[in-house]
Amino acid sequence: TESVAAPYELPAGWKWCRLGDVAKFERGITFPAS
């Protein structure tokens, strides 16, 4: 949760984080149009 600015107040127990902290991103495959 470091260096995360809070845009609004959250309920007790909630935390601000970044999407990269809670999810992973898998890129799709590449191939020629043909």
PDB file of all heavy atoms in Angstrom:
ATOM      1  N   THR A   1       0.811  -1.213   0.000  1.00  0.00           N
ATOM      2  CA  THR A   1       0.000   0.000   0.000  1.00  0.00           C
ATOM      3  C   THR A   1       0.844   1.262   0.000  1.00  0.00           C
ATOM      4  O   THR A   1       0.312   2.360   0.113  1.00  0.00           O
ATOM      5  CB  THR A   1      -0.913   0.024   1.260  1.00  0.00           C
ATOM      6  OG1 THR A   1      -0.090  -0.047   2.424  1.00  0.00           O
ATOM      7  CG2 THR A   1      -1.900  -1.128   1.241  1.00  0.00           C
ATOM      8  N   GLU A   2       2.175   1.127  -0.146  1.00  0.00           N
ATOM      9  CA  GLU A   2       3.002   2.312  -0.081  1.00  0.00           C
ATOM     10  C   GLU A   2       2.786   3.220  -1.297  1.00  0.00           C
ATOM     11  O   GLU A   2       2.528   2.767  -2.391  1.00  0.00           O
ATOM     12  CB  GLU A   2       4.490   1.935   0.021  1.00  0.00           C
ATOM     13  CG  GLU A   2       5.040   1.173  -1.168  1.00  0.00           C
ATOM     14  CD  GLU A   2       4.892  -0.320  -1.019  1.00  0.00           C
ATOM     15  OE1 GLU A   2       4.029  -0.749  -0.231  1.00  0.00           O
ATOM     16  OE2 GLU A   2       5.631  -1.053  -1.702  1.00  0.00           O
ATOM     17  N   SER A   3       2.900   4.532  -1.070  1.00  0.00           N
ATOM     18  CA  SER A   3       2.837   5.547  -2.118  1.00  0.00           C
ATOM     19  C   SER A   3       1.516   5.534  -2.890  1.00  0.00           C
ATOM     20  O   SER A   3       1.469   5.813  -4.081  1.00  0.00           O
ATOM     21  CB  SER A   3       4.003   5.375  -3.120  1.00  0.00           C
ATOM     22  OG  SER A   3       5.231   5.425  -2.437  1.00  0.00           O
ATOM     23  N   VAL A   4       0.452   5.187  -2.215  1.00  0.00           N
ATOM     24  CA  VAL A   4      -0.862   5.193  -2.863  1.00  0.00           C
ATOM     25  C   VAL A   4      -1.671   6.346  -2.283  1.00  0.00           C
ATOM     26  O   VAL A   4      -2.014   6.347  -1.107  1.00  0.00           O
ATOM     27  CB  VAL A   4      -1.605   3.860  -2.645  1.00  0.00           C
ATOM     28  CG1 VAL A   4      -2.985   3.927  -3.274  1.00  0.00           C
ATOM     29  CG2 VAL A   4      -0.805   2.707  -3.231  1.00  0.00           C
ATOM     30  N   ALA A   5      -1.980   7.338  -3.136  1.00  0.00           N
ATOM     31  CA  ALA A   5      -2.785   8.471  -2.691  1.00  0.00           C
ATOM     32  C   ALA A   5      -4.247   8.049  -2.603  1.00  0.00           C
ATOM     33  O   ALA A   5      -4.752   7.330  -3.453  1.00  0.00           O
ATOM     34  CB  ALA A   5      -2.626   9.637  -3.657  1.00  0.00           C
ATOM     35  N   ALA A   6      -4.931   8.500  -1.557  1.00  0.00           N
ATOM     36  CA  ALA A   6      -6.324   8.127  -1.343  1.00  0.00           C
ATOM     37  C   ALA A   6      -7.250   9.174  -1.960  1.00  0.00           C
ATOM     38  O   ALA A   6      -7.289  10.308  -1.490  1.00  0.00           O
ATOM     39  CB  ALA A   6      -6.606   7.996   0.153  1.00  0.00           C
ATOM     40  N   PRO A   7      -8.007   8.833  -3.016  1.00  0.00           N
ATOM     41  CA  PRO A   7      -8.904   9.816  -3.628  1.00  0.00           C
ATOM     42  C   PRO A   7     -10.151  10.100  -2.803  1.00  0.00           C
ATOM     43  O   PRO A   7     -10.768  11.149  -2.942  1.00  0.00           O
ATOM     44  CB  PRO A   7      -9.274   9.165  -4.972  1.00  0.00           C
ATOM     45  CG  PRO A   7      -9.065   7.710  -4.764  1.00  0.00           C
ATOM     46  CD  PRO A   7      -7.949   7.582  -3.788  1.00  0.00           C
ATOM     47  N   TYR A   8     -10.540   9.148  -1.954  1.00  0.00           N
ATOM     48  CA  TYR A   8     -11.671   9.380  -1.048  1.00  0.00           C
ATOM     49  C   TYR A   8     -11.523   8.425   0.139  1.00  0.00           C
ATOM     50  O   TYR A   8     -10.746   7.468   0.111  1.00  0.00           O
ATOM     51  CB  TYR A   8     -13.022   9.197  -1.747  1.00  0.00           C
ATOM     52  CG  TYR A   8     -13.208   7.885  -2.476  1.00  0.00           C
ATOM     53  CD1 TYR A   8     -13.600   6.725  -1.804  1.00  0.00           C
ATOM     54  CD2 TYR A   8     -13.013   7.807  -3.849  1.00  0.00           C
ATOM     55  CE1 TYR A   8     -13.778   5.535  -2.469  1.00  0.00           C
ATOM     56  CE2 TYR A   8     -13.194   6.616  -4.546  1.00  0.00           C
ATOM     57  CZ  TYR A   8     -13.577   5.480  -3.844  1.00  0.00           C
ATOM     58  OH  TYR A   8     -13.757   4.305  -4.523  1.00  0.00           O
ATOM     59  N   GLU A   9     -12.281   8.694   1.186  1.00  0.00           N
ATOM     60  CA  GLU A   9     -12.164   7.921   2.418  1.00  0.00           C
ATOM     61  C   GLU A   9     -12.857   6.576   2.260  1.00  0.00           C
ATOM     62  O   GLU A   9     -13.965   6.480   1.737  1.00  0.00           O
ATOM     63  CB  GLU A   9     -12.777   8.686   3.585  1.00  0.00           C
ATOM     64  CG  GLU A   9     -12.579   8.015   4.935  1.00  0.00           C
ATOM     65  CD  GLU A   9     -13.117   8.847   6.089  1.00  0.00           C
ATOM     66  OE1 GLU A   9     -13.485  10.009   5.837  1.00  0.00           O
ATOM     67  OE2 GLU A   9     -13.183   8.322   7.216  1.00  0.00           O
ATOM     68  N   LEU A  10     -12.202   5.531   2.732  1.00  0.00           N
ATOM     69  CA  LEU A  10     -12.745   4.183   2.653  1.00  0.00           C
ATOM     70  C   LEU A  10     -13.296   3.742   4.009  1.00  0.00           C
ATOM     71  O   LEU A  10     -12.915   4.286   5.056  1.00  0.00           O
ATOM     72  CB  LEU A  10     -11.652   3.207   2.226  1.00  0.00           C
ATOM     73  CG  LEU A  10     -11.129   3.343   0.790  1.00  0.00           C
ATOM     74  CD1 LEU A  10      -9.958   2.387   0.582  1.00  0.00           C
ATOM     75  CD2 LEU A  10     -12.237   3.047  -0.217  1.00  0.00           C
ATOM     76  N   PRO A  11     -14.181   2.754   4.032  1.00  0.00           N
ATOM     77  CA  PRO A  11     -14.653   2.213   5.307  1.00  0.00           C
ATOM     78  C   PRO A  11     -13.499   1.599   6.106  1.00  0.00           C
ATOM     79  O   PRO A  11     -12.450   1.273   5.553  1.00  0.00           O
ATOM     80  CB  PRO A  11     -15.650   1.128   4.873  1.00  0.00           C
ATOM     81  CG  PRO A  11     -16.052   1.497   3.485  1.00  0.00           C
ATOM     82  CD  PRO A  11     -14.858   2.143   2.877  1.00  0.00           C
ATOM     83  N   ALA A  12     -13.717   1.438   7.380  1.00  0.00           N
ATOM     84  CA  ALA A  12     -12.694   0.860   8.252  1.00  0.00           C
ATOM     85  C   ALA A  12     -12.298  -0.527   7.752  1.00  0.00           C
ATOM     86  O   ALA A  12     -13.159  -1.346   7.398  1.00  0.00           O
ATOM     87  CB  ALA A  12     -13.225   0.763   9.686  1.00  0.00           C
ATOM     88  N   GLY A  13     -11.005  -0.767   7.713  1.00  0.00           N
ATOM     89  CA  GLY A  13     -10.485  -2.061   7.294  1.00  0.00           C
ATOM     90  C   GLY A  13     -10.155  -2.144   5.813  1.00  0.00           C
ATOM     91  O   GLY A  13      -9.413  -3.032   5.388  1.00  0.00           O
ATOM     92  N   TRP A  14     -10.740  -1.243   4.994  1.00  0.00           N
ATOM     93  CA  TRP A  14     -10.420  -1.231   3.560  1.00  0.00           C
ATOM     94  C   TRP A  14      -9.048  -0.591   3.362  1.00  0.00           C
ATOM     95  O   TRP A  14      -8.590   0.215   4.182  1.00  0.00           O
ATOM     96  CB  TRP A  14     -11.460  -0.444   2.782  1.00  0.00           C
ATOM     97  CG  TRP A  14     -12.809  -1.100   2.634  1.00  0.00           C
ATOM     98  CD1 TRP A  14     -13.501  -1.769   3.603  1.00  0.00           C
ATOM     99  CD2 TRP A  14     -13.613  -1.119   1.454  1.00  0.00           C
ATOM    100  NE1 TRP A  14     -14.689  -2.208   3.109  1.00  0.00           N
ATOM    101  CE2 TRP A  14     -14.800  -1.826   1.782  1.00  0.00           C
ATOM    102  CE3 TRP A  14     -13.471  -0.621   0.171  1.00  0.00           C
ATOM    103  CZ2 TRP A  14     -15.825  -2.033   0.868  1.00  0.00           C
ATOM    104  CZ3 TRP A  14     -14.483  -0.826  -0.750  1.00  0.00           C
ATOM    105  CH2 TRP A  14     -15.652  -1.531  -0.407  1.00  0.00           C
ATOM    106  N   LYS A  15      -8.400  -0.918   2.252  1.00  0.00           N
ATOM    107  CA  LYS A  15      -7.089  -0.355   1.950  1.00  0.00           C
ATOM    108  C   LYS A  15      -7.021   0.072   0.483  1.00  0.00           C
ATOM    109  O   LYS A  15      -7.660  -0.531  -0.378  1.00  0.00           O
ATOM    110  CB  LYS A  15      -5.979  -1.391   2.213  1.00  0.00           C
ATOM    111  CG  LYS A  15      -5.851  -1.812   3.663  1.00  0.00           C
ATOM    112  CD  LYS A  15      -4.749  -2.851   3.822  1.00  0.00           C
ATOM    113  CE  LYS A  15      -4.614  -3.283   5.279  1.00  0.00           C
ATOM    114  NZ  LYS A  15      -3.565  -4.309   5.453  1.00  0.00           N
ATOM    115  N   TRP A  16      -6.248   1.116   0.259  1.00  0.00           N
ATOM    116  CA  TRP A  16      -5.925   1.493  -1.119  1.00  0.00           C
ATOM    117  C   TRP A  16      -4.678   0.740  -1.554  1.00  0.00           C
ATOM    118  O   TRP A  16      -3.699   0.661  -0.820  1.00  0.00           O
ATOM    119  CB  TRP A  16      -5.661   2.997  -1.226  1.00  0.00           C
ATOM    120  CG  TRP A  16      -6.901   3.832  -1.137  1.00  0.00           C
ATOM    121  CD1 TRP A  16      -7.290   4.627  -0.114  1.00  0.00           C
ATOM    122  CD2 TRP A  16      -7.916   3.947  -2.130  1.00  0.00           C
ATOM    123  NE1 TRP A  16      -8.483   5.226  -0.379  1.00  0.00           N
ATOM    124  CE2 TRP A  16      -8.896   4.833  -1.624  1.00  0.00           C
ATOM    125  CE3 TRP A  16      -8.101   3.392  -3.392  1.00  0.00           C
ATOM    126  CZ2 TRP A  16     -10.038   5.174  -2.348  1.00  0.00           C
ATOM    127  CZ3 TRP A  16      -9.232   3.727  -4.103  1.00  0.00           C
ATOM    128  CH2 TRP A  16     -10.187   4.610  -3.588  1.00  0.00           C
ATOM    129  N   CYS A  17      -4.741   0.171  -2.744  1.00  0.00           N
ATOM    130  CA  CYS A  17      -3.566  -0.494  -3.303  1.00  0.00           C
ATOM    131  C   CYS A  17      -3.550  -0.239  -4.810  1.00  0.00           C
ATOM    132  O   CYS A  17      -4.326   0.567  -5.317  1.00  0.00           O
ATOM    133  CB  CYS A  17      -3.591  -1.998  -2.997  1.00  0.00           C
ATOM    134  SG  CYS A  17      -5.050  -2.826  -3.642  1.00  0.00           S
ATOM    135  N   ARG A  18      -2.684  -0.896  -5.504  1.00  0.00           N
ATOM    136  CA  ARG A  18      -2.625  -0.758  -6.963  1.00  0.00           C
ATOM    137  C   ARG A  18      -3.033  -2.075  -7.595  1.00  0.00           C
ATOM    138  O   ARG A  18      -2.851  -3.146  -7.011  1.00  0.00           O
ATOM    139  CB  ARG A  18      -1.213  -0.361  -7.405  1.00  0.00           C
ATOM    140  CG  ARG A  18      -0.754   0.969  -6.800  1.00  0.00           C
ATOM    141  CD  ARG A  18       0.611   1.385  -7.323  1.00  0.00           C
ATOM    142  NE  ARG A  18       1.089   2.550  -6.612  1.00  0.00           N
ATOM    143  CZ  ARG A  18       0.737   3.810  -6.888  1.00  0.00           C
ATOM    144  NH1 ARG A  18      -0.108   4.044  -7.896  1.00  0.00           N
ATOM    145  NH2 ARG A  18       1.207   4.813  -6.185  1.00  0.00           N
ATOM    146  N   LEU A  19      -3.593  -1.975  -8.815  1.00  0.00           N
ATOM    147  CA  LEU A  19      -4.042  -3.192  -9.480  1.00  0.00           C
ATOM    148  C   LEU A  19      -2.905  -4.193  -9.632  1.00  0.00           C
ATOM    149  O   LEU A  19      -3.114  -5.407  -9.529  1.00  0.00           O
ATOM    150  CB  LEU A  19      -4.613  -2.861 -10.868  1.00  0.00           C
ATOM    151  CG  LEU A  19      -6.026  -2.281 -10.904  1.00  0.00           C
ATOM    152  CD1 LEU A  19      -6.468  -2.093 -12.352  1.00  0.00           C
ATOM    153  CD2 LEU A  19      -7.013  -3.197 -10.185  1.00  0.00           C
ATOM    154  N   GLY A  20      -1.699  -3.701  -9.868  1.00  0.00           N
ATOM    155  CA  GLY A  20      -0.566  -4.606 -10.019  1.00  0.00           C
ATOM    156  C   GLY A  20      -0.250  -5.386  -8.761  1.00  0.00           C
ATOM    157  O   GLY A  20       0.423  -6.419  -8.822  1.00  0.00           O
ATOM    158  N   ASP A  21      -0.725  -4.887  -7.597  1.00  0.00           N
ATOM    159  CA  ASP A  21      -0.493  -5.590  -6.336  1.00  0.00           C
ATOM    160  C   ASP A  21      -1.456  -6.757  -6.150  1.00  0.00           C
ATOM    161  O   ASP A  21      -1.157  -7.704  -5.427  1.00  0.00           O
ATOM    162  CB  ASP A  21      -0.656  -4.633  -5.152  1.00  0.00           C
ATOM    163  CG  ASP A  21       0.342  -3.488  -5.198  1.00  0.00           C
ATOM    164  OD1 ASP A  21       1.424  -3.679  -5.797  1.00  0.00           O
ATOM    165  OD2 ASP A  21       0.028  -2.411  -4.649  1.00  0.00           O
ATOM    166  N   VAL A  22      -2.623  -6.682  -6.763  1.00  0.00           N
ATOM    167  CA  VAL A  22      -3.665  -7.692  -6.505  1.00  0.00           C
ATOM    168  C   VAL A  22      -3.972  -8.549  -7.730  1.00  0.00           C
ATOM    169  O   VAL A  22      -4.756  -9.499  -7.633  1.00  0.00           O
ATOM    170  CB  VAL A  22      -4.971  -7.021  -6.014  1.00  0.00           C
ATOM    171  CG1 VAL A  22      -4.748  -6.300  -4.705  1.00  0.00           C
ATOM    172  CG2 VAL A  22      -5.542  -6.087  -7.072  1.00  0.00           C
ATOM    173  N   ALA A  23      -3.385  -8.229  -8.890  1.00  0.00           N
ATOM    174  CA  ALA A  23      -3.704  -8.987 -10.096  1.00  0.00           C
ATOM    175  C   ALA A  23      -2.468  -9.107 -10.979  1.00  0.00           C
ATOM    176  O   ALA A  23      -1.533  -8.311 -10.895  1.00  0.00           O
ATOM    177  CB  ALA A  23      -4.839  -8.302 -10.861  1.00  0.00           C
ATOM    178  N   LYS A  24      -2.452 -10.117 -11.807  1.00  0.00           N
ATOM    179  CA  LYS A  24      -1.392 -10.255 -12.797  1.00  0.00           C
ATOM    180  C   LYS A  24      -2.014 -10.166 -14.186  1.00  0.00           C
ATOM    181  O   LYS A  24      -3.187 -10.492 -14.388  1.00  0.00           O
ATOM    182  CB  LYS A  24      -0.634 -11.561 -12.620  1.00  0.00           C
ATOM    183  CG  LYS A  24      -1.480 -12.827 -12.705  1.00  0.00           C
ATOM    184  CD  LYS A  24      -0.614 -14.056 -12.476  1.00  0.00           C
ATOM    185  CE  LYS A  24      -1.456 -15.331 -12.533  1.00  0.00           C
ATOM    186  NZ  LYS A  24      -0.633 -16.544 -12.323  1.00  0.00           N
ATOM    187  N   PHE A  25      -1.219  -9.723 -15.140  1.00  0.00           N
ATOM    188  CA  PHE A  25      -1.711  -9.459 -16.489  1.00  0.00           C
ATOM    189  C   PHE A  25      -0.975 -10.355 -17.482  1.00  0.00           C
ATOM    190  O   PHE A  25       0.260 -10.331 -17.564  1.00  0.00           O
ATOM    191  CB  PHE A  25      -1.485  -7.992 -16.865  1.00  0.00           C
ATOM    192  CG  PHE A  25      -1.974  -7.039 -15.813  1.00  0.00           C
ATOM    193  CD1 PHE A  25      -1.077  -6.353 -14.998  1.00  0.00           C
ATOM    194  CD2 PHE A  25      -3.326  -6.829 -15.611  1.00  0.00           C
ATOM    195  CE1 PHE A  25      -1.518  -5.490 -14.014  1.00  0.00           C
ATOM    196  CE2 PHE A  25      -3.776  -5.963 -14.637  1.00  0.00           C
ATOM    197  CZ  PHE A  25      -2.877  -5.289 -13.831  1.00  0.00           C
ATOM    198  N   GLU A  26      -1.726 -11.127 -18.221  1.00  0.00           N
ATOM    199  CA  GLU A  26      -1.159 -12.029 -19.214  1.00  0.00           C
ATOM    200  C   GLU A  26      -1.474 -11.487 -20.607  1.00  0.00           C
ATOM    201  O   GLU A  26      -2.629 -11.288 -20.971  1.00  0.00           O
ATOM    202  CB  GLU A  26      -1.744 -13.437 -19.065  1.00  0.00           C
ATOM    203  CG  GLU A  26      -1.087 -14.480 -19.933  1.00  0.00           C
ATOM    204  CD  GLU A  26       0.353 -14.765 -19.506  1.00  0.00           C
ATOM    205  OE1 GLU A  26       0.622 -14.759 -18.275  1.00  0.00           O
ATOM    206  OE2 GLU A  26       1.187 -14.990 -20.405  1.00  0.00           O
ATOM    207  N   ARG A  27      -0.407 -11.233 -21.367  1.00  0.00           N
ATOM    208  CA  ARG A  27      -0.592 -10.709 -22.720  1.00  0.00           C
ATOM    209  C   ARG A  27      -1.033 -11.824 -23.663  1.00  0.00           C
ATOM    210  O   ARG A  27      -0.654 -12.988 -23.513  1.00  0.00           O
ATOM    211  CB  ARG A  27       0.723 -10.109 -23.244  1.00  0.00           C
ATOM    212  CG  ARG A  27       1.208  -8.902 -22.468  1.00  0.00           C
ATOM    213  CD  ARG A  27       2.523  -8.408 -23.060  1.00  0.00           C
ATOM    214  NE  ARG A  27       3.082  -7.313 -22.295  1.00  0.00           N
ATOM    215  CZ  ARG A  27       2.767  -6.034 -22.470  1.00  0.00           C
ATOM    216  NH1 ARG A  27       1.865  -5.714 -23.400  1.00  0.00           N
ATOM    217  NH2 ARG A  27       3.325  -5.090 -21.740  1.00  0.00           N
ATOM    218  N   GLY A  28      -1.800 -11.426 -24.696  1.00  0.00           N
ATOM    219  CA  GLY A  28      -2.247 -12.392 -25.687  1.00  0.00           C
ATOM    220  C   GLY A  28      -1.149 -12.750 -26.669  1.00  0.00           C
ATOM    221  O   GLY A  28      -0.099 -12.105 -26.734  1.00  0.00           O
ATOM    222  N   ILE A  29      -1.383 -13.786 -27.440  1.00  0.00           N
ATOM    223  CA  ILE A  29      -0.402 -14.248 -28.415  1.00  0.00           C
ATOM    224  C   ILE A  29      -0.405 -13.333 -29.644  1.00  0.00           C
ATOM    225  O   ILE A  29      -1.394 -12.659 -29.924  1.00  0.00           O
ATOM    226  CB  ILE A  29      -0.680 -15.703 -28.855  1.00  0.00           C
ATOM    227  CG1 ILE A  29      -2.023 -15.794 -29.593  1.00  0.00           C
ATOM    228  CG2 ILE A  29      -0.665 -16.633 -27.649  1.00  0.00           C
ATOM    229  CD1 ILE A  29      -2.283 -17.151 -30.212  1.00  0.00           C
ATOM    230  N   THR A  30       0.683 -13.296 -30.342  1.00  0.00           N
ATOM    231  CA  THR A  30       0.779 -12.506 -31.566  1.00  0.00           C
ATOM    232  C   THR A  30       0.950 -13.438 -32.757  1.00  0.00           C
ATOM    233  O   THR A  30       1.560 -14.507 -32.642  1.00  0.00           O
ATOM    234  CB  THR A  30       1.960 -11.521 -31.513  1.00  0.00           C
ATOM    235  OG1 THR A  30       3.176 -12.249 -31.291  1.00  0.00           O
ATOM    236  CG2 THR A  30       1.758 -10.514 -30.387  1.00  0.00           C
ATOM    237  N   PHE A  31       0.396 -13.015 -33.886  1.00  0.00           N
ATOM    238  CA  PHE A  31       0.479 -13.813 -35.106  1.00  0.00           C
ATOM    239  C   PHE A  31       0.167 -12.896 -36.283  1.00  0.00           C
ATOM    240  O   PHE A  31      -0.514 -11.869 -36.123  1.00  0.00           O
ATOM    241  CB  PHE A  31      -0.513 -14.985 -35.061  1.00  0.00           C
ATOM    242  CG  PHE A  31      -1.907 -14.574 -34.679  1.00  0.00           C
ATOM    243  CD1 PHE A  31      -2.824 -14.145 -35.638  1.00  0.00           C
ATOM    244  CD2 PHE A  31      -2.310 -14.599 -33.344  1.00  0.00           C
ATOM    245  CE1 PHE A  31      -4.098 -13.764 -35.286  1.00  0.00           C
ATOM    246  CE2 PHE A  31      -3.596 -14.213 -32.979  1.00  0.00           C
ATOM    247  CZ  PHE A  31      -4.491 -13.791 -33.952  1.00  0.00           C
ATOM    248  N   PRO A  32       0.651 -13.214 -37.475  1.00  0.00           N
ATOM    249  CA  PRO A  32       0.357 -12.372 -38.638  1.00  0.00           C
ATOM    250  C   PRO A  32      -1.102 -12.538 -39.069  1.00  0.00           C
ATOM    251  O   PRO A  32      -1.729 -13.571 -38.800  1.00  0.00           O
ATOM    252  CB  PRO A  32       1.309 -12.906 -39.715  1.00  0.00           C
ATOM    253  CG  PRO A  32       1.575 -14.312 -39.311  1.00  0.00           C
ATOM    254  CD  PRO A  32       1.557 -14.325 -37.810  1.00  0.00           C
ATOM    255  N   ALA A  33      -1.630 -11.535 -39.740  1.00  0.00           N
ATOM    256  CA  ALA A  33      -3.020 -11.587 -40.204  1.00  0.00           C
ATOM    257  C   ALA A  33      -3.248 -12.782 -41.121  1.00  0.00           C
ATOM    258  O   ALA A  33      -4.341 -13.371 -41.136  1.00  0.00           O
ATOM    259  CB  ALA A  33      -3.370 -10.288 -40.925  1.00  0.00           C
ATOM    260  N   SER A  34      -2.215 -13.162 -41.852  1.00  0.00           N
ATOM    261  CA  SER A  34      -2.350 -14.286 -42.783  1.00  0.00           C
ATOM    262  C   SER A  34      -2.539 -15.622 -42.068  1.00  0.00           C
ATOM    263  O   SER A  34      -2.924 -16.622 -42.690  1.00  0.00           O
ATOM    264  CB  SER A  34      -1.112 -14.365 -43.687  1.00  0.00           C
ATOM    265  OG  SER A  34       0.066 -14.533 -42.904  1.00  0.00           O
TER     266      SER A  34
END
